[in-house]
Structure formats: structure tokens, C-alpha cells
Amino acid sequence: MSDLRVNRIAEQMKKELGDIIGQKIKDPRVGFVTVTDVQVTGDLQQAKIYISVLGDEDQKKDTLIGLAKAKGFIRSEIGKRIRLRKTPEISFEFDETIEHGNRIEKILSDLNQDTNEQ
């Protein structure tokens, strides 16, 4: 299958997931979630959804539990919105790139501050 089609489907899923999670999921465990990326396998059988959650570690864990419970509903909503023969199995993972970037930025800031003090 062409990479272009897989990427188009991943982008469409990302857009729809933002809408579904933001408006349709009523679970109180699910906090403020941002879908940062969606990676779909070449055969369109599986989709890995990367999310970022505003809050502390407990809120992040609760959000992941809430999304896991709503996985069937989310998948059926995606199936209704995106016309595919078979809707991919979905799994949620935290996107660590934002935290990783913040950690690098803090280290660079500390190094810069140390250099300016000397």
C-alpha cells in the first residue's frame, strides 16, 4: 500500500480523534488530551495514537485508563467517519517528545546561565 495513502489516513484519524476525544468522551477520568501523532501500519490493521495530557502523573494514568475503556467506542466512531473496509485496532501511548524537549531546554538554559555567571 502506498505511503501517501497511509499518511493521509493517519492525518484524517488524528483530526477525527481530536474531535471524538474532545467532544464525545464523557468519562471524567479523561482530562485535557491532545492527539500529537497517529502512526498507522502499512496494512492499515493497527494504529498507534500518541497523546499528550495536561496534568500530573495520576491524571495521565487516569486518562490512559479512561481512553482504554472507551477504545471500542472510539474505534466505532472512527469507522463511521472514515470509510475503510476495516477500521484499524487502536492503542494509546504517551508522547514523550514534549517532555524530552522541555528537559533539553532546561539543561541548555542551566548551561547558559552557568556560562553567564562566570
PDB file of N, CA and C in Angstrom:
ATOM      1  N   MET A   1       0.847  -1.179   0.000  1.00  0.00           N
ATOM      2  CA  MET A   1       0.000   0.000   0.000  1.00  0.00           C
ATOM      3  C   MET A   1       0.892   1.241   0.000  1.00  0.00           C
ATOM      4  N   SER A   2       0.468   2.280  -0.665  1.00  0.00           N
ATOM      5  CA  SER A   2       1.325   3.451  -0.792  1.00  0.00           C
ATOM      6  C   SER A   2       1.432   4.212   0.531  1.00  0.00           C
ATOM      7  N   ASP A   3       2.640   4.731   0.766  1.00  0.00           N
ATOM      8  CA  ASP A   3       2.877   5.512   1.978  1.00  0.00           C
ATOM      9  C   ASP A   3       2.008   6.756   2.006  1.00  0.00           C
ATOM     10  N   LEU A   4       1.734   7.304   0.847  1.00  0.00           N
ATOM     11  CA  LEU A   4       0.914   8.511   0.768  1.00  0.00           C
ATOM     12  C   LEU A   4      -0.484   8.236   1.328  1.00  0.00           C
ATOM     13  N   ARG A   5      -1.078   7.111   0.958  1.00  0.00           N
ATOM     14  CA  ARG A   5      -2.419   6.776   1.446  1.00  0.00           C
ATOM     15  C   ARG A   5      -2.397   6.527   2.958  1.00  0.00           C
ATOM     16  N   VAL A   6      -1.378   5.802   3.431  1.00  0.00           N
ATOM     17  CA  VAL A   6      -1.257   5.521   4.862  1.00  0.00           C
ATOM     18  C   VAL A   6      -1.132   6.832   5.630  1.00  0.00           C
ATOM     19  N   ASN A   7      -0.314   7.761   5.131  1.00  0.00           N
ATOM     20  CA  ASN A   7      -0.139   9.060   5.796  1.00  0.00           C
ATOM     21  C   ASN A   7      -1.429   9.878   5.778  1.00  0.00           C
ATOM     22  N   ARG A   8      -2.156   9.817   4.674  1.00  0.00           N
ATOM     23  CA  ARG A   8      -3.434  10.539   4.584  1.00  0.00           C
ATOM     24  C   ARG A   8      -4.433   9.992   5.595  1.00  0.00           C
ATOM     25  N   ILE A   9      -4.489   8.677   5.716  1.00  0.00           N
ATOM     26  CA  ILE A   9      -5.407   8.055   6.671  1.00  0.00           C
ATOM     27  C   ILE A   9      -4.998   8.404   8.098  1.00  0.00           C
ATOM     28  N   ALA A  10      -3.692   8.385   8.376  1.00  0.00           N
ATOM     29  CA  ALA A  10      -3.207   8.739   9.716  1.00  0.00           C
ATOM     30  C   ALA A  10      -3.576  10.179  10.060  1.00  0.00           C
ATOM     31  N   GLU A  11      -3.409  11.096   9.122  1.00  0.00           N
ATOM     32  CA  GLU A  11      -3.769  12.503   9.369  1.00  0.00           C
ATOM     33  C   GLU A  11      -5.265  12.667   9.576  1.00  0.00           C
ATOM     34  N   GLN A  12      -6.062  11.949   8.789  1.00  0.00           N
ATOM     35  CA  GLN A  12      -7.520  12.022   8.947  1.00  0.00           C
ATOM     36  C   GLN A  12      -7.933  11.462  10.310  1.00  0.00           C
ATOM     37  N   MET A  13      -7.292  10.352  10.714  1.00  0.00           N
ATOM     38  CA  MET A  13      -7.593   9.776  12.029  1.00  0.00           C
ATOM     39  C   MET A  13      -7.220  10.745  13.141  1.00  0.00           C
ATOM     40  N   LYS A  14      -6.089  11.416  13.003  1.00  0.00           N
ATOM     41  CA  LYS A  14      -5.640  12.388  14.014  1.00  0.00           C
ATOM     42  C   LYS A  14      -6.677  13.494  14.178  1.00  0.00           C
ATOM     43  N   LYS A  15      -7.172  13.995  13.062  1.00  0.00           N
ATOM     44  CA  LYS A  15      -8.176  15.064  13.089  1.00  0.00           C
ATOM     45  C   LYS A  15      -9.463  14.570  13.753  1.00  0.00           C
ATOM     46  N   GLU A  16      -9.925  13.394  13.345  1.00  0.00           N
ATOM     47  CA  GLU A  16     -11.174  12.856  13.890  1.00  0.00           C
ATOM     48  C   GLU A  16     -11.028  12.493  15.368  1.00  0.00           C
ATOM     49  N   LEU A  17      -9.882  11.949  15.754  1.00  0.00           N
ATOM     50  CA  LEU A  17      -9.659  11.585  17.155  1.00  0.00           C
ATOM     51  C   LEU A  17      -9.704  12.807  18.056  1.00  0.00           C
ATOM     52  N   GLY A  18      -9.137  13.912  17.589  1.00  0.00           N
ATOM     53  CA  GLY A  18      -9.199  15.148  18.375  1.00  0.00           C
ATOM     54  C   GLY A  18     -10.633  15.546  18.643  1.00  0.00           C
ATOM     55  N   ASP A  19     -11.467  15.411  17.633  1.00  0.00           N
ATOM     56  CA  ASP A  19     -12.879  15.751  17.772  1.00  0.00           C
ATOM     57  C   ASP A  19     -13.613  14.749  18.675  1.00  0.00           C
ATOM     58  N   ILE A  20     -13.357  13.471  18.468  1.00  0.00           N
ATOM     59  CA  ILE A  20     -14.038  12.429  19.246  1.00  0.00           C
ATOM     60  C   ILE A  20     -13.671  12.531  20.724  1.00  0.00           C
ATOM     61  N   ILE A  21     -12.380  12.618  21.008  1.00  0.00           N
ATOM     62  CA  ILE A  21     -11.942  12.655  22.412  1.00  0.00           C
ATOM     63  C   ILE A  21     -12.385  13.951  23.076  1.00  0.00           C
ATOM     64  N   GLY A  22     -12.328  15.045  22.346  1.00  0.00           N
ATOM     65  CA  GLY A  22     -12.686  16.337  22.915  1.00  0.00           C
ATOM     66  C   GLY A  22     -14.177  16.516  23.178  1.00  0.00           C
ATOM     67  N   GLN A  23     -15.026  15.916  22.336  1.00  0.00           N
ATOM     68  CA  GLN A  23     -16.453  16.191  22.438  1.00  0.00           C
ATOM     69  C   GLN A  23     -17.317  14.998  22.802  1.00  0.00           C
ATOM     70  N   LYS A  24     -16.930  13.803  22.426  1.00  0.00           N
ATOM     71  CA  LYS A  24     -17.806  12.639  22.603  1.00  0.00           C
ATOM     72  C   LYS A  24     -17.513  11.834  23.872  1.00  0.00           C
ATOM     73  N   ILE A  25     -16.270  11.851  24.335  1.00  0.00           N
ATOM     74  CA  ILE A  25     -15.908  11.057  25.513  1.00  0.00           C
ATOM     75  C   ILE A  25     -16.332  11.821  26.764  1.00  0.00           C
ATOM     76  N   LYS A  26     -17.216  11.221  27.537  1.00  0.00           N
ATOM     77  CA  LYS A  26     -17.742  11.876  28.743  1.00  0.00           C
ATOM     78  C   LYS A  26     -17.141  11.322  30.031  1.00  0.00           C
ATOM     79  N   ASP A  27     -16.155  10.438  29.912  1.00  0.00           N
ATOM     80  CA  ASP A  27     -15.520   9.815  31.073  1.00  0.00           C
ATOM     81  C   ASP A  27     -14.794  10.884  31.891  1.00  0.00           C
ATOM     82  N   PRO A  28     -15.095  11.018  33.179  1.00  0.00           N
ATOM     83  CA  PRO A  28     -14.444  12.051  33.996  1.00  0.00           C
ATOM     84  C   PRO A  28     -12.941  11.803  34.202  1.00  0.00           C
ATOM     85  N   ARG A  29     -12.495  10.564  33.962  1.00  0.00           N
ATOM     86  CA  ARG A  29     -11.061  10.280  34.093  1.00  0.00           C
ATOM     87  C   ARG A  29     -10.248  10.893  32.962  1.00  0.00           C
ATOM     88  N   VAL A  30     -10.902  11.095  31.816  1.00  0.00           N
ATOM     89  CA  VAL A  30     -10.195  11.628  30.650  1.00  0.00           C
ATOM     90  C   VAL A  30     -10.081  13.135  30.795  1.00  0.00           C
ATOM     91  N   GLY A  31      -8.840  13.604  30.946  1.00  0.00           N
ATOM     92  CA  GLY A  31      -8.592  15.029  31.123  1.00  0.00           C
ATOM     93  C   GLY A  31      -8.428  15.741  29.795  1.00  0.00           C
ATOM     94  N   PHE A  32      -7.621  16.795  29.818  1.00  0.00           N
ATOM     95  CA  PHE A  32      -7.365  17.578  28.615  1.00  0.00           C
ATOM     96  C   PHE A  32      -6.331  16.842  27.776  1.00  0.00           C
ATOM     97  N   VAL A  33      -6.779  16.234  26.675  1.00  0.00           N
ATOM     98  CA  VAL A  33      -5.932  15.378  25.839  1.00  0.00           C
ATOM     99  C   VAL A  33      -5.679  16.057  24.502  1.00  0.00           C
ATOM    100  N   THR A  34      -4.426  15.989  24.057  1.00  0.00           N
ATOM    101  CA  THR A  34      -4.061  16.440  22.718  1.00  0.00           C
ATOM    102  C   THR A  34      -3.500  15.249  21.963  1.00  0.00           C
ATOM    103  N   VAL A  35      -4.048  14.980  20.793  1.00  0.00           N
ATOM    104  CA  VAL A  35      -3.516  13.913  19.944  1.00  0.00           C
ATOM    105  C   VAL A  35      -2.357  14.519  19.170  1.00  0.00           C
ATOM    106  N   THR A  36      -1.138  14.042  19.452  1.00  0.00           N
ATOM    107  CA  THR A  36       0.053  14.623  18.822  1.00  0.00           C
ATOM    108  C   THR A  36       0.448  13.910  17.538  1.00  0.00           C
ATOM    109  N   ASP A  37       0.161  12.605  17.445  1.00  0.00           N
ATOM    110  CA  ASP A  37       0.544  11.866  16.246  1.00  0.00           C
ATOM    111  C   ASP A  37      -0.246  10.571  16.175  1.00  0.00           C
ATOM    112  N   VAL A  38      -0.416  10.083  14.958  1.00  0.00           N
ATOM    113  CA  VAL A  38      -1.026   8.780  14.727  1.00  0.00           C
ATOM    114  C   VAL A  38      -0.140   8.046  13.731  1.00  0.00           C
ATOM    115  N   GLN A  39       0.271   6.841  14.094  1.00  0.00           N
ATOM    116  CA  GLN A  39       1.069   6.021  13.179  1.00  0.00           C
ATOM    117  C   GLN A  39       0.258   4.783  12.828  1.00  0.00           C
ATOM    118  N   VAL A  40       0.007   4.626  11.537  1.00  0.00           N
ATOM    119  CA  VAL A  40      -0.778   3.503  11.037  1.00  0.00           C
ATOM    120  C   VAL A  40       0.163   2.560  10.300  1.00  0.00           C
ATOM    121  N   THR A  41      -0.013   1.252  10.529  1.00  0.00           N
ATOM    122  CA  THR A  41       0.817   0.276   9.825  1.00  0.00           C
ATOM    123  C   THR A  41       0.450   0.272   8.340  1.00  0.00           C
ATOM    124  N   GLY A  42       1.356  -0.221   7.524  1.00  0.00           N
ATOM    125  CA  GLY A  42       1.164  -0.220   6.076  1.00  0.00           C
ATOM    126  C   GLY A  42      -0.045  -1.007   5.616  1.00  0.00           C
ATOM    127  N   ASP A  43      -0.437  -2.034   6.374  1.00  0.00           N
ATOM    128  CA  ASP A  43      -1.612  -2.824   6.002  1.00  0.00           C
ATOM    129  C   ASP A  43      -2.904  -2.278   6.618  1.00  0.00           C
ATOM    130  N   LEU A  44      -2.813  -1.164   7.300  1.00  0.00           N
ATOM    131  CA  LEU A  44      -3.960  -0.478   7.917  1.00  0.00           C
ATOM    132  C   LEU A  44      -4.668  -1.326   8.973  1.00  0.00           C
ATOM    133  N   GLN A  45      -3.950  -2.242   9.594  1.00  0.00           N
ATOM    134  CA  GLN A  45      -4.553  -3.100  10.604  1.00  0.00           C
ATOM    135  C   GLN A  45      -4.434  -2.533  12.014  1.00  0.00           C
ATOM    136  N   GLN A  46      -3.394  -1.734  12.259  1.00  0.00           N
ATOM    137  CA  GLN A  46      -3.175  -1.196  13.596  1.00  0.00           C
ATOM    138  C   GLN A  46      -2.800   0.272  13.517  1.00  0.00           C
ATOM    139  N   ALA A  47      -3.212   1.004  14.547  1.00  0.00           N
ATOM    140  CA  ALA A  47      -2.884   2.428  14.651  1.00  0.00           C
ATOM    141  C   ALA A  47      -2.412   2.715  16.065  1.00  0.00           C
ATOM    142  N   LYS A  48      -1.271   3.363  16.166  1.00  0.00           N
ATOM    143  CA  LYS A  48      -0.736   3.770  17.457  1.00  0.00           C
ATOM    144  C   LYS A  48      -0.992   5.267  17.582  1.00  0.00           C
ATOM    145  N   ILE A  49      -1.711   5.640  18.638  1.00  0.00           N
ATOM    146  CA  ILE A  49      -2.106   7.031  18.827  1.00  0.00           C
ATOM    147  C   ILE A  49      -1.280   7.610  19.961  1.00  0.00           C
ATOM    148  N   TYR A  50      -0.531   8.666  19.641  1.00  0.00           N
ATOM    149  CA  TYR A  50       0.303   9.321  20.637  1.00  0.00           C
ATOM    150  C   TYR A  50      -0.447  10.525  21.180  1.00  0.00           C
ATOM    151  N   ILE A  51      -0.522  10.592  22.522  1.00  0.00           N
ATOM    152  CA  ILE A  51      -1.273  11.666  23.161  1.00  0.00           C
ATOM    153  C   ILE A  51      -0.396  12.409  24.154  1.00  0.00           C
ATOM    154  N   SER A  52      -0.800  13.626  24.407  1.00  0.00           N
ATOM    155  CA  SER A  52      -0.189  14.446  25.447  1.00  0.00           C
ATOM    156  C   SER A  52      -1.327  14.852  26.374  1.00  0.00           C
ATOM    157  N   VAL A  53      -1.089  14.780  27.684  1.00  0.00           N
ATOM    158  CA  VAL A  53      -2.135  15.064  28.662  1.00  0.00           C
ATOM    159  C   VAL A  53      -1.660  16.166  29.587  1.00  0.00           C
ATOM    160  N   LEU A  54      -2.516  17.134  29.807  1.00  0.00           N
ATOM    161  CA  LEU A  54      -2.208  18.212  30.735  1.00  0.00           C
ATOM    162  C   LEU A  54      -2.507  17.729  32.145  1.00  0.00           C
ATOM    163  N   GLY A  55      -1.512  17.793  33.032  1.00  0.00           N
ATOM    164  CA  GLY A  55      -1.734  17.378  34.409  1.00  0.00           C
ATOM    165  C   GLY A  55      -0.569  16.580  34.960  1.00  0.00           C
ATOM    166  N   ASP A  56      -0.762  16.082  36.186  1.00  0.00           N
ATOM    167  CA  ASP A  56       0.295  15.316  36.838  1.00  0.00           C
ATOM    168  C   ASP A  56       0.232  13.844  36.419  1.00  0.00           C
ATOM    169  N   GLU A  57       1.106  13.035  36.998  1.00  0.00           N
ATOM    170  CA  GLU A  57       1.205  11.625  36.623  1.00  0.00           C
ATOM    171  C   GLU A  57      -0.086  10.857  36.880  1.00  0.00           C
ATOM    172  N   ASP A  58      -0.778  11.158  37.995  1.00  0.00           N
ATOM    173  CA  ASP A  58      -2.040  10.470  38.288  1.00  0.00           C
ATOM    174  C   ASP A  58      -3.098  10.777  37.235  1.00  0.00           C
ATOM    175  N   GLN A  59      -3.174  12.042  36.830  1.00  0.00           N
ATOM    176  CA  GLN A  59      -4.141  12.423  35.801  1.00  0.00           C
ATOM    177  C   GLN A  59      -3.815  11.746  34.472  1.00  0.00           C
ATOM    178  N   LYS A  60      -2.520  11.624  34.179  1.00  0.00           N
ATOM    179  CA  LYS A  60      -2.112  10.960  32.937  1.00  0.00           C
ATOM    180  C   LYS A  60      -2.518   9.491  32.955  1.00  0.00           C
ATOM    181  N   LYS A  61      -2.289   8.823  34.085  1.00  0.00           N
ATOM    182  CA  LYS A  61      -2.652   7.405  34.191  1.00  0.00           C
ATOM    183  C   LYS A  61      -4.163   7.224  34.094  1.00  0.00           C
ATOM    184  N   ASP A  62      -4.917   8.090  34.789  1.00  0.00           N
ATOM    185  CA  ASP A  62      -6.378   8.004  34.732  1.00  0.00           C
ATOM    186  C   ASP A  62      -6.892   8.223  33.313  1.00  0.00           C
ATOM    187  N   THR A  63      -6.282   9.172  32.606  1.00  0.00           N
ATOM    188  CA  THR A  63      -6.688   9.447  31.233  1.00  0.00           C
ATOM    189  C   THR A  63      -6.441   8.235  30.351  1.00  0.00           C
ATOM    190  N   LEU A  64      -5.282   7.605  30.514  1.00  0.00           N
ATOM    191  CA  LEU A  64      -4.967   6.423  29.716  1.00  0.00           C
ATOM    192  C   LEU A  64      -5.948   5.286  30.010  1.00  0.00           C
ATOM    193  N   ILE A  65      -6.322   5.121  31.285  1.00  0.00           N
ATOM    194  CA  ILE A  65      -7.311   4.097  31.663  1.00  0.00           C
ATOM    195  C   ILE A  65      -8.667   4.409  31.032  1.00  0.00           C
ATOM    196  N   GLY A  66      -9.070   5.681  31.108  1.00  0.00           N
ATOM    197  CA  GLY A  66     -10.351   6.089  30.527  1.00  0.00           C
ATOM    198  C   GLY A  66     -10.396   5.881  29.023  1.00  0.00           C
ATOM    199  N   LEU A  67      -9.294   6.214  28.345  1.00  0.00           N
ATOM    200  CA  LEU A  67      -9.247   6.019  26.891  1.00  0.00           C
ATOM    201  C   LEU A  67      -9.232   4.537  26.534  1.00  0.00           C
ATOM    202  N   ALA A  68      -8.561   3.728  27.346  1.00  0.00           N
ATOM    203  CA  ALA A  68      -8.542   2.285  27.094  1.00  0.00           C
ATOM    204  C   ALA A  68      -9.959   1.703  27.230  1.00  0.00           C
ATOM    205  N   LYS A  69     -10.722   2.194  28.204  1.00  0.00           N
ATOM    206  CA  LYS A  69     -12.101   1.724  28.386  1.00  0.00           C
ATOM    207  C   LYS A  69     -12.995   2.142  27.216  1.00  0.00           C
ATOM    208  N   ALA A  70     -12.693   3.303  26.636  1.00  0.00           N
ATOM    209  CA  ALA A  70     -13.515   3.835  25.545  1.00  0.00           C
ATOM    210  C   ALA A  70     -12.995   3.433  24.165  1.00  0.00           C
ATOM    211  N   LYS A  71     -12.009   2.549  24.135  1.00  0.00           N
ATOM    212  CA  LYS A  71     -11.363   2.178  22.874  1.00  0.00           C
ATOM    213  C   LYS A  71     -12.357   1.653  21.833  1.00  0.00           C
ATOM    214  N   GLY A  72     -13.289   0.815  22.238  1.00  0.00           N
ATOM    215  CA  GLY A  72     -14.281   0.274  21.309  1.00  0.00           C
ATOM    216  C   GLY A  72     -15.170   1.363  20.729  1.00  0.00           C
ATOM    217  N   PHE A  73     -15.622   2.267  21.596  1.00  0.00           N
ATOM    218  CA  PHE A  73     -16.456   3.392  21.131  1.00  0.00           C
ATOM    219  C   PHE A  73     -15.682   4.279  20.171  1.00  0.00           C
ATOM    220  N   ILE A  74     -14.425   4.590  20.525  1.00  0.00           N
ATOM    221  CA  ILE A  74     -13.591   5.455  19.684  1.00  0.00           C
ATOM    222  C   ILE A  74     -13.376   4.806  18.324  1.00  0.00           C
ATOM    223  N   ARG A  75     -13.098   3.519  18.328  1.00  0.00           N
ATOM    224  CA  ARG A  75     -12.855   2.802  17.073  1.00  0.00           C
ATOM    225  C   ARG A  75     -14.109   2.799  16.197  1.00  0.00           C
ATOM    226  N   SER A  76     -15.275   2.601  16.802  1.00  0.00           N
ATOM    227  CA  SER A  76     -16.509   2.598  16.010  1.00  0.00           C
ATOM    228  C   SER A  76     -16.805   3.989  15.450  1.00  0.00           C
ATOM    229  N   GLU A  77     -16.509   5.033  16.224  1.00  0.00           N
ATOM    230  CA  GLU A  77     -16.693   6.405  15.730  1.00  0.00           C
ATOM    231  C   GLU A  77     -15.762   6.688  14.550  1.00  0.00           C
ATOM    232  N   ILE A  78     -14.521   6.235  14.654  1.00  0.00           N
ATOM    233  CA  ILE A  78     -13.581   6.420  13.535  1.00  0.00           C
ATOM    234  C   ILE A  78     -14.104   5.680  12.312  1.00  0.00           C
ATOM    235  N   GLY A  79     -14.615   4.466  12.518  1.00  0.00           N
ATOM    236  CA  GLY A  79     -15.169   3.683  11.412  1.00  0.00           C
ATOM    237  C   GLY A  79     -16.325   4.382  10.720  1.00  0.00           C
ATOM    238  N   LYS A  80     -17.152   5.092  11.477  1.00  0.00           N
ATOM    239  CA  LYS A  80     -18.270   5.830  10.888  1.00  0.00           C
ATOM    240  C   LYS A  80     -17.785   7.037  10.092  1.00  0.00           C
ATOM    241  N   ARG A  81     -16.721   7.678  10.571  1.00  0.00           N
ATOM    242  CA  ARG A  81     -16.262   8.931   9.968  1.00  0.00           C
ATOM    243  C   ARG A  81     -15.304   8.731   8.797  1.00  0.00           C
ATOM    244  N   ILE A  82     -14.523   7.662   8.860  1.00  0.00           N
ATOM    245  CA  ILE A  82     -13.554   7.392   7.792  1.00  0.00           C
ATOM    246  C   ILE A  82     -13.974   6.099   7.107  1.00  0.00           C
ATOM    247  N   ARG A  83     -14.199   6.159   5.822  1.00  0.00           N
ATOM    248  CA  ARG A  83     -14.647   4.983   5.085  1.00  0.00           C
ATOM    249  C   ARG A  83     -13.459   4.070   4.776  1.00  0.00           C
ATOM    250  N   LEU A  84     -13.341   3.007   5.569  1.00  0.00           N
ATOM    251  CA  LEU A  84     -12.321   1.989   5.343  1.00  0.00           C
ATOM    252  C   LEU A  84     -13.009   0.632   5.399  1.00  0.00           C
ATOM    253  N   ARG A  85     -12.435  -0.335   4.724  1.00  0.00           N
ATOM    254  CA  ARG A  85     -13.000  -1.682   4.761  1.00  0.00           C
ATOM    255  C   ARG A  85     -12.952  -2.234   6.184  1.00  0.00           C
ATOM    256  N   LYS A  86     -11.825  -2.014   6.844  1.00  0.00           N
ATOM    257  CA  LYS A  86     -11.672  -2.477   8.226  1.00  0.00           C
ATOM    258  C   LYS A  86     -11.008  -1.358   9.026  1.00  0.00           C
ATOM    259  N   THR A  87     -11.614  -0.987  10.132  1.00  0.00           N
ATOM    260  CA  THR A  87     -11.058   0.053  10.991  1.00  0.00           C
ATOM    261  C   THR A  87      -9.877  -0.522  11.763  1.00  0.00           C
ATOM    262  N   PRO A  88      -8.749   0.188  11.786  1.00  0.00           N
ATOM    263  CA  PRO A  88      -7.562  -0.339  12.484  1.00  0.00           C
ATOM    264  C   PRO A  88      -7.796  -0.505  13.989  1.00  0.00           C
ATOM    265  N   GLU A  89      -7.123  -1.507  14.560  1.00  0.00           N
ATOM    266  CA  GLU A  89      -7.074  -1.650  16.011  1.00  0.00           C
ATOM    267  C   GLU A  89      -6.284  -0.452  16.540  1.00  0.00           C
ATOM    268  N   ILE A  90      -6.738   0.129  17.646  1.00  0.00           N
ATOM    269  CA  ILE A  90      -6.041   1.315  18.151  1.00  0.00           C
ATOM    270  C   ILE A  90      -5.415   1.043  19.514  1.00  0.00           C
ATOM    271  N   SER A  91      -4.291   1.716  19.747  1.00  0.00           N
ATOM    272  CA  SER A  91      -3.652   1.680  21.063  1.00  0.00           C
ATOM    273  C   SER A  91      -3.154   3.086  21.363  1.00  0.00           C
ATOM    274  N   PHE A  92      -3.203   3.451  22.628  1.00  0.00           N
ATOM    275  CA  PHE A  92      -2.799   4.783  23.059  1.00  0.00           C
ATOM    276  C   PHE A  92      -1.460   4.724  23.771  1.00  0.00           C
ATOM    277  N   GLU A  93      -0.607   5.712  23.494  1.00  0.00           N
ATOM    278  CA  GLU A  93       0.676   5.834  24.176  1.00  0.00           C
ATOM    279  C   GLU A  93       0.936   7.312  24.440  1.00  0.00           C
ATOM    280  N   PHE A  94       1.685   7.565  25.514  1.00  0.00           N
ATOM    281  CA  PHE A  94       2.059   8.946  25.803  1.00  0.00           C
ATOM    282  C   PHE A  94       3.148   9.394  24.850  1.00  0.00           C
ATOM    283  N   ASP A  95       3.059  10.635  24.412  1.00  0.00           N
ATOM    284  CA  ASP A  95       4.091  11.220  23.567  1.00  0.00           C
ATOM    285  C   ASP A  95       5.110  11.881  24.483  1.00  0.00           C
ATOM    286  N   GLU A  96       6.270  11.289  24.561  1.00  0.00           N
ATOM    287  CA  GLU A  96       7.319  11.773  25.463  1.00  0.00           C
ATOM    288  C   GLU A  96       8.153  12.889  24.842  1.00  0.00           C
ATOM    289  N   THR A  97       7.939  13.215  23.570  1.00  0.00           N
ATOM    290  CA  THR A  97       8.806  14.187  22.907  1.00  0.00           C
ATOM    291  C   THR A  97       8.701  15.583  23.522  1.00  0.00           C
ATOM    292  N   ILE A  98       7.527  15.977  23.970  1.00  0.00           N
ATOM    293  CA  ILE A  98       7.359  17.309  24.555  1.00  0.00           C
ATOM    294  C   ILE A  98       8.146  17.405  25.860  1.00  0.00           C
ATOM    295  N   GLU A  99       7.986  16.386  26.715  1.00  0.00           N
ATOM    296  CA  GLU A  99       8.728  16.390  27.974  1.00  0.00           C
ATOM    297  C   GLU A  99      10.226  16.290  27.727  1.00  0.00           C
ATOM    298  N   HIS A 100      10.610  15.504  26.740  1.00  0.00           N
ATOM    299  CA  HIS A 100      12.022  15.369  26.395  1.00  0.00           C
ATOM    300  C   HIS A 100      12.587  16.715  25.923  1.00  0.00           C
ATOM    301  N   GLY A 101      11.826  17.409  25.095  1.00  0.00           N
ATOM    302  CA  GLY A 101      12.236  18.727  24.616  1.00  0.00           C
ATOM    303  C   GLY A 101      12.354  19.734  25.753  1.00  0.00           C
ATOM    304  N   ASN A 102      11.403  19.694  26.692  1.00  0.00           N
ATOM    305  CA  ASN A 102      11.464  20.600  27.845  1.00  0.00           C
ATOM    306  C   ASN A 102      12.684  20.323  28.702  1.00  0.00           C
ATOM    307  N   ARG A 103      13.012  19.042  28.861  1.00  0.00           N
ATOM    308  CA  ARG A 103      14.177  18.671  29.657  1.00  0.00           C
ATOM    309  C   ARG A 103      15.471  19.176  28.990  1.00  0.00           C
ATOM    310  N   ILE A 104      15.565  19.035  27.674  1.00  0.00           N
ATOM    311  CA  ILE A 104      16.736  19.531  26.946  1.00  0.00           C
ATOM    312  C   ILE A 104      16.830  21.050  27.056  1.00  0.00           C
ATOM    313  N   GLU A 105      15.683  21.718  26.922  1.00  0.00           N
ATOM    314  CA  GLU A 105      15.663  23.177  27.015  1.00  0.00           C
ATOM    315  C   GLU A 105      16.119  23.652  28.392  1.00  0.00           C
ATOM    316  N   LYS A 106      15.700  22.953  29.453  1.00  0.00           N
ATOM    317  CA  LYS A 106      16.117  23.318  30.808  1.00  0.00           C
ATOM    318  C   LYS A 106      17.617  23.123  30.984  1.00  0.00           C
ATOM    319  N   ILE A 107      18.144  22.013  30.472  1.00  0.00           N
ATOM    320  CA  ILE A 107      19.589  21.768  30.570  1.00  0.00           C
ATOM    321  C   ILE A 107      20.368  22.854  29.846  1.00  0.00           C
ATOM    322  N   LEU A 108      19.922  23.200  28.650  1.00  0.00           N
ATOM    323  CA  LEU A 108      20.605  24.262  27.889  1.00  0.00           C
ATOM    324  C   LEU A 108      20.514  25.609  28.596  1.00  0.00           C
ATOM    325  N   SER A 109      19.364  25.878  29.193  1.00  0.00           N
ATOM    326  CA  SER A 109      19.177  27.123  29.934  1.00  0.00           C
ATOM    327  C   SER A 109      20.101  27.173  31.142  1.00  0.00           C
ATOM    328  N   ASP A 110      20.199  26.055  31.868  1.00  0.00           N
ATOM    329  CA  ASP A 110      21.104  25.978  33.029  1.00  0.00           C
ATOM    330  C   ASP A 110      22.557  26.152  32.602  1.00  0.00           C
ATOM    331  N   LEU A 111      22.935  25.530  31.497  1.00  0.00           N
ATOM    332  CA  LEU A 111      24.307  25.683  30.994  1.00  0.00           C
ATOM    333  C   LEU A 111      24.591  27.127  30.605  1.00  0.00           C
ATOM    334  N   ASN A 112      23.625  27.747  29.952  1.00  0.00           N
ATOM    335  CA  ASN A 112      23.773  29.143  29.531  1.00  0.00           C
ATOM    336  C   ASN A 112      23.886  30.048  30.734  1.00  0.00           C
ATOM    337  N   GLN A 113      23.098  29.772  31.760  1.00  0.00           N
ATOM    338  CA  GLN A 113      23.146  30.576  32.984  1.00  0.00           C
ATOM    339  C   GLN A 113      24.485  30.414  33.688  1.00  0.00           C
ATOM    340  N   ASP A 114      25.027  29.197  33.750  1.00  0.00           N
ATOM    341  CA  ASP A 114      26.330  28.945  34.338  1.00  0.00           C
ATOM    342  C   ASP A 114      27.435  29.690  33.562  1.00  0.00           C
ATOM    343  N   THR A 115      27.322  29.714  32.259  1.00  0.00           N
ATOM    344  CA  THR A 115      28.321  30.392  31.421  1.00  0.00           C
ATOM    345  C   THR A 115      28.282  31.900  31.661  1.00  0.00           C
ATOM    346  N   ASN A 116      27.077  32.450  31.809  1.00  0.00           N
ATOM    347  CA  ASN A 116      26.934  33.893  32.035  1.00  0.00           C
ATOM    348  C   ASN A 116      27.431  34.317  33.415  1.00  0.00           C
ATOM    349  N   GLU A 117      27.372  33.420  34.388  1.00  0.00           N
ATOM    350  CA  GLU A 117      27.806  33.743  35.740  1.00  0.00           C
ATOM    351  C   GLU A 117      29.332  33.768  35.844  1.00  0.00           C
ATOM    352  N   GLN A 118      30.022  33.074  34.967  1.00  0.00           N
ATOM    353  CA  GLN A 118      31.479  33.012  35.058  1.00  0.00           C
ATOM    354  C   GLN A 118      32.150  34.204  34.464  1.00  0.00           C
TER     355      GLN A 118
END
